[in-house]
Structure formats: structure tokens, C-alpha cells
N, C-alpha and C. Protein backbone atom coordinates (compact mmCIF):
# COMPACT_ATOMS: atom_id res chain seq x y z
N UNK A 1 113.65 101.64 132.58
CA UNK A 1 112.63 102.30 131.75
C UNK A 1 111.48 101.31 131.59
N UNK A 2 110.28 101.76 131.90
CA UNK A 2 109.12 100.89 131.81
C UNK A 2 108.48 101.00 130.42
N UNK A 3 107.42 100.22 130.23
CA UNK A 3 106.73 100.20 128.93
C UNK A 3 106.20 101.58 128.55
N UNK A 4 105.74 102.36 129.54
CA UNK A 4 105.23 103.70 129.24
C UNK A 4 106.34 104.59 128.70
N UNK A 5 107.52 104.49 129.28
CA UNK A 5 108.65 105.30 128.82
C UNK A 5 109.05 104.88 127.40
N UNK A 6 109.04 103.57 127.13
CA UNK A 6 109.33 103.10 125.78
C UNK A 6 108.27 103.63 124.82
N UNK A 7 107.02 103.65 125.28
CA UNK A 7 105.94 104.21 124.47
C UNK A 7 106.17 105.68 124.14
N UNK A 8 106.69 106.43 125.10
CA UNK A 8 106.99 107.84 124.86
C UNK A 8 108.10 107.99 123.84
N UNK A 9 109.15 107.17 123.96
CA UNK A 9 110.23 107.20 122.99
C UNK A 9 109.71 106.82 121.61
N UNK A 10 108.82 105.84 121.59
CA UNK A 10 108.20 105.41 120.33
C UNK A 10 107.44 106.56 119.68
N UNK A 11 106.59 107.21 120.47
CA UNK A 11 105.79 108.31 119.94
C UNK A 11 106.66 109.46 119.45
N UNK A 12 107.74 109.72 120.16
CA UNK A 12 108.60 110.84 119.81
C UNK A 12 109.57 110.53 118.67
N UNK A 13 110.00 109.27 118.56
CA UNK A 13 111.09 109.00 117.64
C UNK A 13 110.84 108.02 116.52
N UNK A 14 109.70 107.33 116.51
CA UNK A 14 109.47 106.30 115.50
C UNK A 14 109.61 106.83 114.08
N UNK A 15 108.90 107.90 113.77
CA UNK A 15 108.95 108.44 112.40
C UNK A 15 110.37 108.85 112.02
N UNK A 16 111.03 109.53 112.91
CA UNK A 16 112.40 109.99 112.65
C UNK A 16 113.31 108.80 112.38
N UNK A 17 113.18 107.75 113.19
CA UNK A 17 114.02 106.57 113.00
C UNK A 17 113.72 105.88 111.67
N UNK A 18 112.44 105.79 111.31
CA UNK A 18 112.07 105.16 110.04
C UNK A 18 112.66 105.94 108.87
N UNK A 19 112.58 107.27 108.93
CA UNK A 19 113.14 108.10 107.85
C UNK A 19 114.65 107.88 107.76
N UNK A 20 115.31 107.82 108.90
CA UNK A 20 116.76 107.61 108.89
C UNK A 20 117.11 106.24 108.30
N UNK A 21 116.37 105.21 108.71
CA UNK A 21 116.64 103.87 108.18
C UNK A 21 116.26 103.76 106.71
N UNK A 22 115.24 104.47 106.32
CA UNK A 22 114.83 104.48 104.90
C UNK A 22 115.95 105.05 104.05
N UNK A 23 116.62 106.09 104.56
CA UNK A 23 117.75 106.67 103.83
C UNK A 23 118.89 105.66 103.69
N UNK A 24 119.06 104.82 104.70
CA UNK A 24 120.12 103.82 104.67
C UNK A 24 119.76 102.63 103.79
N UNK A 25 118.53 102.12 103.94
CA UNK A 25 118.15 100.89 103.25
C UNK A 25 117.58 101.13 101.86
N UNK A 26 116.97 102.30 101.64
CA UNK A 26 116.32 102.56 100.36
C UNK A 26 115.00 101.82 100.20
N UNK A 27 114.52 101.20 101.27
CA UNK A 27 113.29 100.42 101.23
C UNK A 27 112.46 100.78 102.46
N UNK A 28 111.31 101.41 102.23
CA UNK A 28 110.49 101.87 103.35
C UNK A 28 110.02 100.72 104.23
N UNK A 29 109.56 99.65 103.61
CA UNK A 29 109.08 98.50 104.39
C UNK A 29 110.21 97.91 105.23
N UNK A 30 111.38 97.80 104.65
CA UNK A 30 112.54 97.27 105.39
C UNK A 30 112.89 98.19 106.55
N UNK A 31 112.84 99.50 106.32
CA UNK A 31 113.13 100.46 107.38
C UNK A 31 112.13 100.34 108.52
N UNK A 32 110.85 100.24 108.18
CA UNK A 32 109.81 100.10 109.21
C UNK A 32 110.01 98.82 110.01
N UNK A 33 110.31 97.71 109.33
CA UNK A 33 110.50 96.44 110.04
C UNK A 33 111.72 96.49 110.95
N UNK A 34 112.80 97.11 110.50
CA UNK A 34 114.01 97.19 111.33
C UNK A 34 113.75 98.04 112.57
N UNK A 35 113.06 99.15 112.41
CA UNK A 35 112.76 100.01 113.56
C UNK A 35 111.79 99.29 114.51
N UNK A 36 110.81 98.62 113.96
CA UNK A 36 109.88 97.87 114.81
C UNK A 36 110.62 96.79 115.59
N UNK A 37 111.55 96.11 114.94
CA UNK A 37 112.34 95.08 115.64
C UNK A 37 113.15 95.70 116.76
N UNK A 38 113.70 96.89 116.55
CA UNK A 38 114.45 97.57 117.60
C UNK A 38 113.55 97.86 118.81
N UNK A 39 112.34 98.32 118.55
CA UNK A 39 111.41 98.58 119.65
C UNK A 39 110.98 97.29 120.34
N UNK A 40 110.82 96.22 119.58
CA UNK A 40 110.48 94.93 120.20
C UNK A 40 111.59 94.51 121.15
N UNK A 41 112.83 94.69 120.72
CA UNK A 41 113.96 94.34 121.60
C UNK A 41 114.00 95.23 122.83
N UNK A 42 113.63 96.48 122.68
CA UNK A 42 113.59 97.37 123.84
C UNK A 42 112.49 96.95 124.80
N UNK A 43 111.34 96.56 124.26
CA UNK A 43 110.23 96.12 125.11
C UNK A 43 110.51 94.78 125.75
N UNK A 44 111.29 93.94 125.06
CA UNK A 44 111.63 92.62 125.59
C UNK A 44 112.39 92.75 126.90
N UNK A 45 113.25 93.75 126.98
CA UNK A 45 114.00 94.03 128.21
C UNK A 45 114.04 95.54 128.43
N UNK A 46 113.00 96.06 129.04
CA UNK A 46 112.90 97.52 129.20
C UNK A 46 114.09 98.14 129.93
N UNK A 47 114.78 97.38 130.74
CA UNK A 47 115.94 97.90 131.47
C UNK A 47 117.07 98.33 130.57
N UNK A 48 117.07 97.85 129.33
CA UNK A 48 118.13 98.22 128.40
C UNK A 48 118.20 99.73 128.19
N UNK A 49 117.04 100.36 128.11
CA UNK A 49 117.02 101.79 127.83
C UNK A 49 117.17 102.65 129.07
N UNK A 50 116.96 102.04 130.25
CA UNK A 50 117.08 102.80 131.49
C UNK A 50 118.52 103.26 131.66
N UNK A 51 118.67 104.48 131.99
CA UNK A 51 120.00 105.00 132.25
C UNK A 51 120.73 105.51 131.01
N UNK A 52 120.15 105.32 129.85
CA UNK A 52 120.78 105.84 128.63
C UNK A 52 120.44 107.32 128.49
N UNK A 53 121.43 108.09 128.13
CA UNK A 53 121.17 109.51 127.89
C UNK A 53 120.34 109.71 126.63
N UNK A 54 120.53 108.82 125.66
CA UNK A 54 119.83 108.97 124.39
C UNK A 54 119.31 107.61 123.92
N UNK A 55 118.12 107.21 124.40
CA UNK A 55 117.57 105.91 124.01
C UNK A 55 117.34 105.80 122.51
N UNK A 56 117.05 106.92 121.87
CA UNK A 56 116.83 106.89 120.42
C UNK A 56 118.10 106.48 119.68
N UNK A 57 119.25 106.89 120.18
CA UNK A 57 120.53 106.50 119.56
C UNK A 57 120.71 104.99 119.66
N UNK A 58 120.35 104.42 120.81
CA UNK A 58 120.45 102.96 120.97
C UNK A 58 119.51 102.26 120.00
N UNK A 59 118.27 102.76 119.91
CA UNK A 59 117.30 102.17 118.99
C UNK A 59 117.78 102.27 117.55
N UNK A 60 118.37 103.41 117.18
CA UNK A 60 118.90 103.57 115.83
C UNK A 60 119.99 102.55 115.56
N UNK A 61 120.90 102.36 116.51
CA UNK A 61 121.99 101.39 116.33
C UNK A 61 121.44 99.98 116.19
N UNK A 62 120.45 99.63 117.00
CA UNK A 62 119.84 98.30 116.90
C UNK A 62 119.15 98.14 115.56
N UNK A 63 118.39 99.15 115.14
CA UNK A 63 117.68 99.07 113.86
C UNK A 63 118.67 98.95 112.70
N UNK A 64 119.75 99.69 112.76
CA UNK A 64 120.78 99.58 111.71
C UNK A 64 121.38 98.18 111.69
N UNK A 65 121.66 97.63 112.86
CA UNK A 65 122.21 96.27 112.92
C UNK A 65 121.22 95.24 112.36
N UNK A 66 119.95 95.42 112.68
CA UNK A 66 118.91 94.53 112.16
C UNK A 66 118.89 94.62 110.64
N UNK A 67 118.88 95.84 110.11
CA UNK A 67 118.84 96.03 108.66
C UNK A 67 120.08 95.43 108.00
N UNK A 68 121.24 95.65 108.59
CA UNK A 68 122.49 95.08 108.02
C UNK A 68 122.45 93.56 108.03
N UNK A 69 121.99 92.97 109.13
CA UNK A 69 121.93 91.51 109.23
C UNK A 69 120.98 90.94 108.18
N UNK A 70 119.83 91.58 108.03
CA UNK A 70 118.87 91.10 107.03
C UNK A 70 119.43 91.24 105.63
N UNK A 71 120.13 92.34 105.36
CA UNK A 71 120.73 92.56 104.05
C UNK A 71 121.79 91.49 103.78
N UNK A 72 122.60 91.20 104.78
CA UNK A 72 123.65 90.20 104.65
C UNK A 72 123.04 88.81 104.39
N UNK A 73 121.98 88.46 105.11
CA UNK A 73 121.33 87.16 104.91
C UNK A 73 120.71 87.06 103.52
N UNK A 74 120.10 88.17 103.07
CA UNK A 74 119.53 88.15 101.71
C UNK A 74 120.62 87.96 100.68
N UNK A 75 121.79 88.56 100.88
CA UNK A 75 122.91 88.39 99.96
C UNK A 75 123.39 86.96 99.91
N UNK A 76 123.49 86.33 101.06
CA UNK A 76 123.90 84.92 101.12
C UNK A 76 122.86 84.06 100.41
N UNK A 77 121.61 84.31 100.67
CA UNK A 77 120.54 83.55 100.03
C UNK A 77 120.57 83.75 98.51
N UNK A 78 120.81 84.99 98.07
CA UNK A 78 120.86 85.27 96.62
C UNK A 78 122.01 84.52 95.96
N UNK A 79 123.12 84.33 96.67
CA UNK A 79 124.25 83.57 96.11
C UNK A 79 123.99 82.06 96.12
N UNK A 80 123.24 81.59 97.12
CA UNK A 80 122.99 80.16 97.24
C UNK A 80 121.86 79.66 96.34
N UNK A 81 120.83 80.45 96.15
CA UNK A 81 119.67 80.01 95.39
C UNK A 81 119.99 79.54 93.98
N UNK A 82 120.83 80.26 93.22
CA UNK A 82 121.13 79.76 91.87
C UNK A 82 121.79 78.39 91.88
N UNK A 83 122.54 78.10 92.91
CA UNK A 83 123.20 76.79 93.01
C UNK A 83 122.20 75.68 93.31
N UNK A 84 121.11 76.03 93.97
CA UNK A 84 120.11 75.03 94.36
C UNK A 84 119.11 74.74 93.25
N UNK A 85 119.01 75.63 92.28
CA UNK A 85 118.04 75.45 91.20
C UNK A 85 116.68 75.97 91.61
N UNK A 86 115.72 75.88 90.70
CA UNK A 86 114.40 76.41 91.01
C UNK A 86 113.71 75.58 92.08
N UNK A 87 112.91 76.24 92.92
CA UNK A 87 112.20 75.49 93.95
C UNK A 87 111.12 74.63 93.31
N UNK A 88 110.77 73.52 93.95
CA UNK A 88 109.69 72.69 93.41
C UNK A 88 108.37 73.45 93.44
N UNK A 89 107.55 73.16 92.47
CA UNK A 89 106.25 73.83 92.40
C UNK A 89 105.39 73.42 93.58
N UNK A 90 104.68 74.37 94.14
CA UNK A 90 103.76 74.11 95.24
C UNK A 90 102.36 74.38 94.72
N UNK A 91 101.54 73.35 94.79
CA UNK A 91 100.17 73.48 94.32
C UNK A 91 99.25 73.23 95.51
N UNK A 92 98.49 74.26 95.87
CA UNK A 92 97.57 74.12 96.99
C UNK A 92 96.35 73.33 96.56
N UNK A 93 95.90 72.48 97.45
CA UNK A 93 94.68 71.72 97.20
C UNK A 93 93.51 72.69 97.34
N UNK A 94 92.71 72.80 96.30
CA UNK A 94 91.58 73.73 96.33
C UNK A 94 90.25 73.00 96.41
N UNK A 95 90.30 71.71 96.74
CA UNK A 95 89.06 70.96 96.89
C UNK A 95 88.25 71.49 98.06
N UNK A 96 86.94 71.32 98.03
CA UNK A 96 86.09 71.88 99.08
C UNK A 96 86.43 71.35 100.47
N UNK A 97 86.82 70.09 100.59
CA UNK A 97 87.16 69.55 101.91
C UNK A 97 88.41 70.23 102.47
N UNK A 98 89.40 70.42 101.60
CA UNK A 98 90.64 71.06 102.03
C UNK A 98 90.39 72.53 102.41
N UNK A 99 89.60 73.22 101.62
CA UNK A 99 89.28 74.62 101.90
C UNK A 99 88.55 74.72 103.24
N UNK A 100 87.61 73.81 103.47
CA UNK A 100 86.87 73.81 104.74
C UNK A 100 87.80 73.52 105.91
N UNK A 101 88.73 72.58 105.73
CA UNK A 101 89.68 72.24 106.80
C UNK A 101 90.57 73.44 107.11
N UNK A 102 91.09 74.11 106.09
CA UNK A 102 91.96 75.26 106.32
C UNK A 102 91.20 76.39 107.01
N UNK A 103 89.96 76.61 106.62
CA UNK A 103 89.14 77.64 107.26
C UNK A 103 88.90 77.28 108.73
N UNK A 104 88.61 76.01 108.99
CA UNK A 104 88.37 75.57 110.37
C UNK A 104 89.65 75.67 111.21
N UNK A 105 90.79 75.33 110.63
CA UNK A 105 92.06 75.43 111.35
C UNK A 105 92.33 76.87 111.79
N UNK A 106 91.99 77.82 110.95
CA UNK A 106 92.22 79.24 111.30
C UNK A 106 91.34 79.68 112.47
N UNK A 107 90.28 78.94 112.75
CA UNK A 107 89.34 79.34 113.80
C UNK A 107 89.66 78.74 115.16
N UNK A 108 90.57 77.78 115.24
CA UNK A 108 90.90 77.18 116.53
C UNK A 108 92.12 77.89 117.13
N UNK A 109 92.33 77.76 118.44
CA UNK A 109 93.47 78.43 119.08
C UNK A 109 94.81 78.02 118.44
N UNK A 110 95.75 78.95 118.45
CA UNK A 110 97.03 78.75 117.78
C UNK A 110 97.76 77.50 118.28
N UNK A 111 97.77 77.26 119.58
CA UNK A 111 98.48 76.09 120.11
C UNK A 111 97.92 74.79 119.56
N UNK A 112 96.60 74.70 119.49
CA UNK A 112 95.96 73.51 118.93
C UNK A 112 96.26 73.40 117.44
N UNK A 113 96.17 74.52 116.73
CA UNK A 113 96.43 74.54 115.29
C UNK A 113 97.87 74.10 114.99
N UNK A 114 98.83 74.61 115.75
CA UNK A 114 100.23 74.25 115.53
C UNK A 114 100.45 72.76 115.78
N UNK A 115 99.90 72.25 116.86
CA UNK A 115 100.07 70.82 117.17
C UNK A 115 99.45 69.95 116.08
N UNK A 116 98.25 70.30 115.65
CA UNK A 116 97.57 69.52 114.60
C UNK A 116 98.35 69.58 113.29
N UNK A 117 98.80 70.77 112.92
CA UNK A 117 99.54 70.91 111.67
C UNK A 117 100.83 70.10 111.71
N UNK A 118 101.58 70.20 112.80
CA UNK A 118 102.85 69.49 112.87
C UNK A 118 102.67 67.98 112.92
N UNK A 119 101.65 67.53 113.64
CA UNK A 119 101.47 66.07 113.78
C UNK A 119 100.78 65.46 112.57
N UNK A 120 99.67 66.05 112.14
CA UNK A 120 98.88 65.43 111.09
C UNK A 120 99.26 65.86 109.68
N UNK A 121 99.72 67.08 109.52
CA UNK A 121 100.05 67.55 108.18
C UNK A 121 101.53 67.39 107.85
N UNK A 122 102.40 67.58 108.85
CA UNK A 122 103.84 67.43 108.65
C UNK A 122 104.30 66.02 109.01
N UNK A 123 103.45 65.25 109.68
CA UNK A 123 103.73 63.88 110.09
C UNK A 123 104.87 63.76 111.10
N UNK A 124 104.99 64.74 111.99
CA UNK A 124 106.00 64.63 113.04
C UNK A 124 105.46 63.75 114.16
N UNK A 125 106.32 62.90 114.74
CA UNK A 125 105.88 62.14 115.91
C UNK A 125 105.64 63.09 117.09
N UNK A 126 104.87 62.63 118.05
CA UNK A 126 104.47 63.48 119.17
C UNK A 126 105.66 64.10 119.90
N UNK A 127 106.72 63.33 120.12
CA UNK A 127 107.86 63.89 120.85
C UNK A 127 108.54 65.01 120.06
N UNK A 128 108.54 64.94 118.72
CA UNK A 128 109.12 66.01 117.92
C UNK A 128 108.21 67.24 117.90
N UNK A 129 106.91 67.02 117.93
CA UNK A 129 105.98 68.15 118.02
C UNK A 129 106.23 68.88 119.34
N UNK A 130 106.37 68.12 120.42
CA UNK A 130 106.62 68.73 121.73
C UNK A 130 107.92 69.51 121.72
N UNK A 131 108.97 68.94 121.15
CA UNK A 131 110.26 69.63 121.10
C UNK A 131 110.18 70.89 120.23
N UNK A 132 109.50 70.79 119.10
CA UNK A 132 109.38 71.94 118.19
C UNK A 132 108.62 73.08 118.83
N UNK A 133 107.55 72.76 119.54
CA UNK A 133 106.73 73.78 120.17
C UNK A 133 107.25 74.21 121.55
N UNK A 134 108.21 73.46 122.09
CA UNK A 134 108.75 73.79 123.40
C UNK A 134 107.78 73.54 124.53
N UNK A 135 106.97 72.48 124.39
CA UNK A 135 105.99 72.13 125.42
C UNK A 135 106.16 70.65 125.77
N UNK A 136 105.46 70.20 126.81
CA UNK A 136 105.57 68.81 127.23
C UNK A 136 104.75 67.91 126.29
N UNK A 137 105.04 66.62 126.35
CA UNK A 137 104.31 65.64 125.56
C UNK A 137 102.83 65.63 125.95
N UNK A 138 102.55 65.76 127.23
CA UNK A 138 101.17 65.81 127.70
C UNK A 138 100.42 67.02 127.13
N UNK A 139 101.10 68.14 127.04
CA UNK A 139 100.48 69.34 126.46
C UNK A 139 100.14 69.11 125.00
N UNK A 140 101.05 68.46 124.27
CA UNK A 140 100.79 68.16 122.85
C UNK A 140 99.57 67.26 122.74
N UNK A 141 99.51 66.23 123.56
CA UNK A 141 98.37 65.30 123.50
C UNK A 141 97.07 66.03 123.81
N UNK A 142 97.10 66.90 124.81
CA UNK A 142 95.92 67.68 125.17
C UNK A 142 95.49 68.60 124.03
N UNK A 143 96.46 69.30 123.45
CA UNK A 143 96.14 70.21 122.34
C UNK A 143 95.58 69.44 121.14
N UNK A 144 96.13 68.27 120.87
CA UNK A 144 95.63 67.47 119.76
C UNK A 144 94.19 67.03 120.01
N UNK A 145 93.92 66.56 121.22
CA UNK A 145 92.56 66.11 121.54
C UNK A 145 91.56 67.26 121.46
N UNK A 146 91.93 68.38 122.05
CA UNK A 146 91.03 69.55 122.01
C UNK A 146 90.89 70.08 120.59
N UNK A 147 91.99 70.09 119.86
CA UNK A 147 91.94 70.57 118.48
C UNK A 147 91.08 69.69 117.59
N UNK A 148 91.20 68.37 117.75
CA UNK A 148 90.37 67.45 116.96
C UNK A 148 88.89 67.67 117.28
N UNK A 149 88.59 67.83 118.56
CA UNK A 149 87.19 68.05 118.96
C UNK A 149 86.67 69.37 118.38
N UNK A 150 87.50 70.42 118.44
CA UNK A 150 87.08 71.71 117.90
C UNK A 150 86.89 71.63 116.40
N UNK A 151 87.81 70.96 115.71
CA UNK A 151 87.68 70.82 114.25
C UNK A 151 86.44 70.01 113.89
N UNK A 152 86.19 68.95 114.63
CA UNK A 152 85.00 68.13 114.35
C UNK A 152 83.74 68.96 114.46
N UNK A 153 83.67 69.79 115.50
CA UNK A 153 82.49 70.64 115.68
C UNK A 153 82.38 71.67 114.57
N UNK A 154 83.50 72.28 114.21
CA UNK A 154 83.48 73.29 113.15
C UNK A 154 83.14 72.68 111.80
N UNK A 155 83.71 71.54 111.51
CA UNK A 155 83.49 70.92 110.20
C UNK A 155 82.10 70.31 110.10
N UNK A 156 81.52 69.92 111.21
CA UNK A 156 80.15 69.39 111.20
C UNK A 156 79.15 70.49 110.90
N UNK A 157 79.51 71.74 111.21
CA UNK A 157 78.62 72.87 111.01
C UNK A 157 78.76 73.50 109.63
N UNK A 158 79.57 72.92 108.75
CA UNK A 158 79.76 73.52 107.43
C UNK A 158 79.47 72.52 106.34
N UNK A 159 79.08 73.06 105.20
CA UNK A 159 78.94 72.26 104.00
C UNK A 159 79.26 73.18 102.83
N UNK A 160 79.83 72.67 101.75
CA UNK A 160 80.24 73.54 100.65
C UNK A 160 79.04 74.09 99.88
N UNK A 161 79.21 75.34 99.39
CA UNK A 161 78.19 75.92 98.53
C UNK A 161 78.46 75.48 97.09
N UNK A 162 77.76 76.06 96.13
CA UNK A 162 77.90 75.67 94.72
C UNK A 162 79.31 75.90 94.21
N UNK A 163 80.04 76.87 94.79
CA UNK A 163 81.42 77.14 94.37
C UNK A 163 82.44 76.34 95.17
N UNK A 164 81.98 75.47 96.08
CA UNK A 164 82.89 74.67 96.89
C UNK A 164 83.40 75.38 98.13
N UNK A 165 82.88 76.58 98.42
CA UNK A 165 83.30 77.31 99.61
C UNK A 165 82.48 76.85 100.81
N UNK A 166 83.13 76.72 101.99
CA UNK A 166 82.39 76.28 103.16
C UNK A 166 81.34 77.30 103.57
N UNK A 167 80.15 76.81 103.89
CA UNK A 167 79.04 77.64 104.32
C UNK A 167 78.42 77.00 105.56
N UNK A 168 77.82 77.81 106.42
CA UNK A 168 77.15 77.21 107.59
C UNK A 168 76.04 76.26 107.12
N UNK A 169 75.92 75.15 107.83
CA UNK A 169 74.88 74.19 107.51
C UNK A 169 73.53 74.82 107.82
N UNK A 170 72.51 74.51 107.03
CA UNK A 170 71.19 75.09 107.30
C UNK A 170 70.65 74.56 108.62
N UNK A 171 69.89 75.42 109.30
CA UNK A 171 69.27 75.03 110.56
C UNK A 171 68.17 74.01 110.26
N UNK A 172 68.04 72.99 111.10
CA UNK A 172 66.95 72.03 110.91
C UNK A 172 65.60 72.75 111.02
N UNK A 173 64.61 72.23 110.29
CA UNK A 173 63.28 72.83 110.30
C UNK A 173 62.71 72.81 111.72
N UNK A 174 62.09 73.90 112.11
CA UNK A 174 61.44 73.98 113.42
C UNK A 174 62.37 74.45 114.52
N UNK A 175 63.67 74.57 114.27
CA UNK A 175 64.60 75.01 115.30
C UNK A 175 64.69 76.53 115.26
N UNK A 176 64.48 77.16 116.40
CA UNK A 176 64.50 78.61 116.49
C UNK A 176 65.89 79.06 116.93
N UNK A 177 66.38 80.21 116.41
CA UNK A 177 67.70 80.71 116.82
C UNK A 177 67.73 81.17 118.24
């Protein structure tokens, strides 16, 4: 079964599957996520649905299993959390430099952003960044270099406004757009 056939099953059965899972889970968002995960698994290996007399039944079974697994994990977490105590407070830095950095990070490619975050913000050594991202050490070094250059360019073009929010730097006098 190719992607088009999965698309047809999606168009024909998505709503029905969500309603069925909603009846089981009692949570519409959970039902939607479970059904979406089932379709993702079908798209991951389209051959799974080929040859099935009723692909919707397979998707329903997968979605139910996803919902059950998530419910079971939430139950385990609910039992463990009281034993761990309250989580430490997390306070985000709201200074203008930090806000500008976070805004600039969102504008660079994901691979560069991930490498920069893991190396500079999480303080992982380069080999651990490579292992975490599943890429070579050379790729990490390249992403870091490109990411630093992109951030430098983005941050050079911004300055905080009166509220500390990053704003484009004013154009020099006499420069035409």
C-alpha cells in the first residue's frame, strides 16, 4: 500500500477512529494523538497495510495499543512523582540578551540549533553531541561553525526596544533598501 492508499484510508477512517478512541480514552486530544501515531506507523512502513482486508482494523488496534501504553506510562509516572518530591523551580531568563538569543536560535536550521543547544547550553562535549544527534563529529563541528556564524549575523542585526524585546537595528543613514 503506497502513501496515496494510506491517504485514502486516512480520509475515510480518521474521524471514525478518533471517535472510537475517544470512547475508550475519554480524552479527545489523547484519542487524536493515538490515531495520528497509528497513521505515522502506517506511513513509516506502507507495506504493513498492503494485503490487509481491513486496514482500518489494524490502525484501530495500533491506536488502542498506543493509548494503552501512554496510559500505563502516565500511571507509572503518577506513582513515582510523589516519591521524588516537587520538581525544582525553573525560572527562564527574561533579560534582553537571552530573549534575543532564543529568538535568533529559533531562526537557524534545526540541526545547527540542536548542536549549539547541546554543546553550549547543556555543556555536552562534542563526541556526546554527535552521539546524541546520531551524526559524525565532523558534522557537529560543521553545524556549530555554521550556527555560530548565523547567530552572529542575526544578533548583529537586532537591538532591544524599550521593553527589552529584540528589534531590527535601524538602517544607517543614506542606505537605501
